[in-house]
Amino acid sequence: MGAVKSRSYGTYRIHHNNDLDDNATESWPDGADVEEQTTMAKPSIRVCKSEDEISRFLGFIVEKKANEAIRKSQRFKIGVSGGSLPDFLAKTLPSIATDWSKWLVFFCDERLVPFTDPESTYHVYNEKLMGQIPLQDEQIVRINPNLSAAAAASDYAGKIAQHFPNEELPRFDMLLLGMGPDGHTCSLFPEHKLLQEQGLWVASLTDSPKPPPSRITLTLPVLNNCSSAVFVCTGSGKAEAVKDVLENAKSRLPSALVRPHSGELHWVLDQSAAEKLSKT
């Protein structure tokens, strides 16, 4: 990812209603960098009144993007994250209309713990969601938790590459992301050296500031190559980071660095997470 002159999102309209049209209207200020307008995604920001509304919108947009991808390429390749996302998805994905046989599910990051450990993102999805949707075991692309962090990252990159043959970078149809109160996303933490990683699809760390310490994560070049990135953030504890990411052109928080070069960017917030935004 090269140097960026400005990451200002310009002005935007925040959605507050229950309309499930996901095409937000945004405009750019006079004098905005032309190259940035054409190569970096502008955010669609939706503020939801309830958890049910968040789940409904996620179901809507995932179904839409899944069926578009399946019509185009006969596959839907989606990366998922932990946090509150498994709960939201468990409420909505079982009811969407899609060809589940065409899905491939990946993990945006993962903790190096056994799959039986509640800290495992795969474990959480397996417990809360997988039994409700008709995915076969081979459609879920998992890490090998028995390897060292570096070996697990390399092994997982190889597994991903099997589904993106001859690609310089994998282009996921959709990545579902969260953000911590510190602005981290996946296992990319503020001021961590992995924010500078340019060569790897999947990187490892053993010094995560949030336990457990050993993890693997997709890197920023992969995140920024996706067709659609969707952040889901809830709670007033994240309001300051949300404001910084969405309104501070100079923000260096990891979540602010996720700007797909040729794709969509969605932020789905509850009212508490959005409470410090200037335009609410």
Protein backbone atom coordinates (compact mmCIF):
# COMPACT_ATOMS: atom_id res chain seq x y z
CA MET A 1 0.00 0.00 0.00
CA GLY A 2 1.64 3.20 -1.15
CA ALA A 3 1.68 6.56 0.50
CA VAL A 4 -1.71 8.26 0.71
CA LYS A 5 -1.95 12.05 0.47
CA SER A 6 -5.23 12.22 2.36
CA ARG A 7 -7.71 9.71 3.70
CA SER A 8 -10.52 12.18 4.32
CA TYR A 9 -13.88 10.60 3.65
CA GLY A 10 -15.26 13.99 2.67
CA THR A 11 -18.94 14.34 3.54
CA TYR A 12 -21.41 11.53 3.76
CA ARG A 13 -25.01 10.83 4.55
CA ILE A 14 -25.62 8.45 7.41
CA HIS A 15 -28.53 6.04 7.06
CA HIS A 16 -30.85 5.85 10.05
CA ASN A 17 -34.00 4.27 8.64
CA ASN A 18 -35.04 0.69 8.12
CA ASP A 19 -34.74 0.86 4.32
CA LEU A 20 -32.44 -1.93 3.21
CA ASP A 21 -31.05 -0.03 0.25
CA ASP A 22 -27.33 -0.27 0.93
CA ASN A 23 -26.31 2.44 -1.54
CA ALA A 24 -25.39 5.40 0.62
CA THR A 25 -24.94 8.84 -0.89
CA GLU A 26 -21.59 10.44 -0.31
CA SER A 27 -19.86 13.44 -1.85
CA TRP A 28 -16.25 14.57 -1.91
CA PRO A 29 -15.08 18.05 -0.99
CA ASP A 30 -13.78 20.40 -3.65
CA GLY A 31 -10.12 19.78 -4.28
CA ALA A 32 -10.16 16.15 -3.09
CA ASP A 33 -7.40 14.03 -4.56
CA VAL A 34 -8.66 12.66 -7.90
CA GLU A 35 -6.66 9.44 -7.78
CA GLU A 36 -7.95 8.68 -4.31
CA GLN A 37 -11.55 9.15 -5.50
CA THR A 38 -11.14 6.54 -8.20
CA THR A 39 -9.07 3.96 -6.37
CA MET A 40 -10.18 3.97 -2.74
CA ALA A 41 -13.60 3.08 -1.41
CA LYS A 42 -15.79 5.72 0.19
CA PRO A 43 -17.77 4.47 3.16
CA SER A 44 -21.45 3.77 3.32
CA ILE A 45 -22.39 4.37 6.96
CA ARG A 46 -25.53 2.93 8.48
CA VAL A 47 -26.65 3.64 12.02
CA CYS A 48 -29.09 1.02 13.32
CA LYS A 49 -31.57 1.43 16.16
CA SER A 50 -31.36 -2.15 17.42
CA GLU A 51 -29.40 -5.36 17.24
CA ASP A 52 -32.21 -6.87 15.18
CA GLU A 53 -31.80 -4.11 12.62
CA ILE A 54 -28.06 -4.80 12.43
CA SER A 55 -28.75 -8.49 11.87
CA ARG A 56 -31.37 -7.75 9.21
CA PHE A 57 -29.04 -5.47 7.32
CA LEU A 58 -26.19 -7.96 7.50
CA GLY A 59 -28.48 -10.66 6.16
CA PHE A 60 -29.58 -8.38 3.35
CA ILE A 61 -26.10 -7.36 2.24
CA VAL A 62 -24.54 -10.82 2.61
CA GLU A 63 -27.35 -12.41 0.59
CA LYS A 64 -27.03 -9.73 -2.09
CA LYS A 65 -23.26 -10.05 -2.43
CA ALA A 66 -23.32 -13.84 -2.23
CA ASN A 67 -25.81 -14.19 -5.03
CA GLU A 68 -24.02 -11.63 -7.18
CA ALA A 69 -20.74 -13.52 -6.79
CA ILE A 70 -22.36 -16.88 -7.47
CA ARG A 71 -23.97 -15.57 -10.66
CA LYS A 72 -20.63 -14.17 -11.79
CA SER A 73 -18.16 -16.88 -10.81
CA GLN A 74 -20.10 -19.78 -9.30
CA ARG A 75 -18.40 -19.15 -5.95
CA PHE A 76 -18.85 -16.87 -2.96
CA LYS A 77 -15.66 -16.40 -0.95
CA ILE A 78 -16.25 -14.69 2.38
CA GLY A 79 -13.98 -13.98 5.32
CA VAL A 80 -15.45 -13.68 8.81
CA SER A 81 -14.24 -12.26 12.12
CA GLY A 82 -15.01 -12.83 15.78
CA GLY A 83 -16.38 -10.49 18.43
CA SER A 84 -20.11 -9.83 18.11
CA LEU A 85 -20.30 -10.90 14.47
CA PRO A 86 -21.05 -14.59 15.09
CA ASP A 87 -24.09 -13.62 17.15
CA PHE A 88 -25.42 -11.23 14.50
CA LEU A 89 -24.84 -13.74 11.72
CA ALA A 90 -26.44 -16.59 13.66
CA LYS A 91 -29.63 -14.50 13.83
CA THR A 92 -29.82 -13.81 10.11
CA LEU A 93 -27.85 -16.16 7.84
CA PRO A 94 -30.08 -19.22 8.35
CA SER A 95 -32.96 -17.34 6.73
CA ILE A 96 -31.24 -15.94 3.63
CA ALA A 97 -31.86 -17.34 0.14
CA THR A 98 -28.60 -18.51 -1.41
CA ASP A 99 -26.93 -21.55 -2.94
CA TRP A 100 -24.94 -22.70 0.07
CA SER A 101 -23.03 -25.26 -1.99
CA LYS A 102 -21.18 -22.38 -3.67
CA TRP A 103 -19.90 -20.82 -0.46
CA LEU A 104 -16.33 -20.87 0.90
CA VAL A 105 -15.80 -19.45 4.40
CA PHE A 106 -12.42 -18.17 5.55
CA PHE A 107 -11.28 -16.47 8.76
CA CYS A 108 -9.89 -12.94 8.72
CA ASP A 109 -7.80 -13.80 11.75
CA GLU A 110 -7.55 -16.59 14.25
CA ARG A 111 -6.08 -17.31 17.65
CA LEU A 112 -3.52 -20.11 17.99
CA VAL A 113 -5.52 -22.18 20.43
CA PRO A 114 -7.22 -25.58 20.07
CA PHE A 115 -10.55 -25.60 18.23
CA THR A 116 -12.18 -26.69 21.48
CA ASP A 117 -11.05 -23.46 23.19
CA PRO A 118 -13.73 -20.75 23.47
CA GLU A 119 -11.05 -18.26 22.35
CA SER A 120 -10.98 -19.96 18.93
CA THR A 121 -12.97 -18.01 16.35
CA TYR A 122 -13.69 -21.24 14.51
CA HIS A 123 -15.02 -22.74 17.74
CA VAL A 124 -17.42 -19.82 18.20
CA TYR A 125 -18.77 -20.09 14.66
CA ASN A 126 -19.02 -23.85 14.92
CA GLU A 127 -21.03 -23.54 18.14
CA LYS A 128 -23.30 -20.67 17.11
CA LEU A 129 -23.78 -20.85 13.36
CA MET A 130 -22.45 -23.80 11.42
CA GLY A 131 -25.13 -26.20 12.58
CA GLN A 132 -27.81 -23.83 11.31
CA ILE A 133 -26.60 -23.53 7.71
CA PRO A 134 -25.91 -26.38 5.25
CA LEU A 135 -22.17 -25.94 4.77
CA GLN A 136 -19.97 -28.98 4.35
CA ASP A 137 -16.75 -29.30 6.31
CA GLU A 138 -14.61 -28.76 3.20
CA GLN A 139 -16.27 -25.37 2.61
CA ILE A 140 -14.77 -23.97 5.82
CA VAL A 141 -11.10 -23.08 5.42
CA ARG A 142 -9.42 -23.27 8.84
CA ILE A 143 -5.95 -22.86 10.25
CA ASN A 144 -3.91 -25.70 11.71
CA PRO A 145 -3.80 -24.74 15.41
CA ASN A 146 -1.13 -27.33 16.16
CA LEU A 147 1.58 -25.39 14.33
CA SER A 148 3.69 -22.51 15.52
CA ALA A 149 2.31 -19.07 14.70
CA ALA A 150 4.67 -18.54 11.75
CA ALA A 151 4.06 -22.02 10.37
CA ALA A 152 0.30 -21.68 10.84
CA ALA A 153 0.30 -18.39 8.91
CA SER A 154 2.29 -19.90 6.05
CA ASP A 155 0.07 -22.98 6.02
CA TYR A 156 -3.11 -20.89 5.99
CA ALA A 157 -1.80 -18.72 3.16
CA GLY A 158 -1.25 -21.92 1.19
CA LYS A 159 -4.82 -23.04 1.87
CA ILE A 160 -6.14 -19.69 0.70
CA ALA A 161 -3.98 -19.83 -2.43
CA GLN A 162 -5.65 -23.10 -3.45
CA HIS A 163 -8.88 -21.15 -3.91
CA PHE A 164 -7.23 -18.16 -5.63
CA PRO A 165 -4.93 -19.85 -8.16
CA ASN A 166 -2.47 -17.68 -10.04
CA GLU A 167 -3.49 -14.56 -8.10
CA GLU A 168 -0.98 -12.01 -6.89
CA LEU A 169 -3.43 -11.21 -4.09
CA PRO A 170 -6.63 -13.02 -3.18
CA ARG A 171 -9.77 -11.01 -3.94
CA PHE A 172 -12.42 -11.99 -1.43
CA ASP A 173 -16.00 -11.26 -2.39
CA MET A 174 -16.72 -10.04 1.13
CA LEU A 175 -14.85 -9.55 4.39
CA LEU A 176 -16.87 -9.10 7.59
CA LEU A 177 -14.80 -7.13 10.06
CA GLY A 178 -15.01 -5.79 13.58
CA MET A 179 -13.12 -3.08 15.40
CA GLY A 180 -11.88 -2.96 18.98
CA PRO A 181 -12.01 0.13 21.21
CA ASP A 182 -8.34 0.71 20.33
CA GLY A 183 -9.13 0.75 16.60
CA HIS A 184 -7.67 -2.66 15.81
CA THR A 185 -9.24 -4.93 13.22
CA CYS A 186 -8.47 -8.58 12.57
CA SER A 187 -5.27 -9.01 14.58
CA LEU A 188 -3.77 -5.77 13.27
CA PHE A 189 -3.11 -3.58 16.29
CA PRO A 190 -2.17 0.10 16.56
CA GLU A 191 1.50 0.84 15.90
CA HIS A 192 2.26 -2.85 15.35
CA LYS A 193 4.88 -3.75 12.76
CA LEU A 194 2.38 -5.90 10.85
CA LEU A 195 0.70 -2.71 9.63
CA GLN A 196 3.75 -2.31 7.38
CA GLU A 197 3.61 -5.84 5.98
CA GLN A 198 3.40 -5.77 2.18
CA GLY A 199 4.59 -9.18 1.00
CA LEU A 200 2.55 -11.72 2.97
CA TRP A 201 -1.12 -12.65 2.56
CA VAL A 202 -1.25 -14.01 6.10
CA ALA A 203 1.05 -12.86 8.89
CA SER A 204 1.71 -14.17 12.38
CA LEU A 205 2.23 -12.49 15.69
CA THR A 206 3.17 -13.77 19.12
CA ASP A 207 2.97 -10.42 20.92
CA SER A 208 -0.70 -9.54 20.61
CA PRO A 209 -1.57 -6.85 23.16
CA LYS A 210 -4.88 -8.65 23.58
CA PRO A 211 -4.76 -12.28 24.77
CA PRO A 212 -4.15 -14.86 23.56
CA PRO A 213 -0.78 -13.58 22.30
CA SER A 214 -0.25 -15.98 19.35
CA ARG A 215 -2.41 -15.32 16.28
CA ILE A 216 -2.52 -15.22 12.51
CA THR A 217 -4.15 -12.46 10.49
CA LEU A 218 -4.87 -11.34 6.96
CA THR A 219 -2.68 -8.37 6.07
CA LEU A 220 -3.71 -4.92 4.87
CA PRO A 221 -2.92 -5.59 1.18
CA VAL A 222 -5.37 -8.51 1.28
CA LEU A 223 -8.02 -6.56 3.16
CA ASN A 224 -7.76 -3.71 0.68
CA ASN A 225 -8.08 -6.02 -2.31
CA CYS A 226 -11.53 -7.32 -1.38
CA SER A 227 -14.70 -6.56 -3.33
CA SER A 228 -16.66 -5.57 -0.23
CA ALA A 229 -15.55 -4.85 3.34
CA VAL A 230 -18.18 -4.54 6.05
CA PHE A 231 -17.33 -3.27 9.53
CA VAL A 232 -19.81 -3.93 12.35
CA CYS A 233 -19.31 -1.90 15.54
CA THR A 234 -21.54 -1.59 18.58
CA GLY A 235 -21.29 0.07 21.97
CA SER A 236 -20.24 3.46 23.31
CA GLY A 237 -16.81 2.05 24.15
CA LYS A 238 -15.98 2.18 20.46
CA ALA A 239 -17.47 5.61 19.74
CA GLU A 240 -14.17 7.48 20.04
CA ALA A 241 -12.41 5.08 17.67
CA VAL A 242 -15.34 5.23 15.22
CA LYS A 243 -15.10 9.02 15.15
CA ASP A 244 -11.35 8.92 14.66
CA VAL A 245 -11.55 6.40 11.82
CA LEU A 246 -14.40 8.08 9.98
CA GLU A 247 -13.66 11.75 10.58
CA ASN A 248 -9.91 12.12 11.10
CA ALA A 249 -8.12 12.28 7.75
CA LYS A 250 -4.80 11.59 9.49
CA SER A 251 -5.93 8.62 11.56
CA ARG A 252 -3.39 5.82 11.73
CA LEU A 253 -5.68 3.38 13.50
CA PRO A 254 -5.62 0.00 11.76
CA SER A 255 -9.33 0.15 10.89
CA ALA A 256 -8.77 3.51 9.16
CA LEU A 257 -6.25 1.83 6.87
CA VAL A 258 -8.87 -0.54 5.46
CA ARG A 259 -10.01 1.19 2.29
CA PRO A 260 -10.58 -1.29 -0.55
CA HIS A 261 -8.87 0.00 -3.67
CA SER A 262 -11.50 -1.29 -6.05
CA GLY A 263 -14.46 -2.31 -3.93
CA GLU A 264 -17.06 -1.25 -1.39
CA LEU A 265 -16.69 -0.18 2.22
CA HIS A 266 -19.61 -0.36 4.66
CA TRP A 267 -19.77 0.67 8.32
CA VAL A 268 -22.72 -0.69 10.29
CA LEU A 269 -23.08 0.95 13.70
CA ASP A 270 -25.53 1.02 16.55
CA GLN A 271 -26.50 4.41 17.97
CA SER A 272 -24.01 4.15 20.83
CA ALA A 273 -21.05 3.50 18.54
CA ALA A 274 -22.14 6.43 16.35
CA GLU A 275 -22.80 8.88 19.19
CA LYS A 276 -19.65 10.96 18.68
CA LEU A 277 -19.90 11.33 14.92
CA SER A 278 -20.39 14.91 13.81
CA LYS A 279 -23.23 13.96 11.49
CA THR A 280 -25.80 11.85 13.29
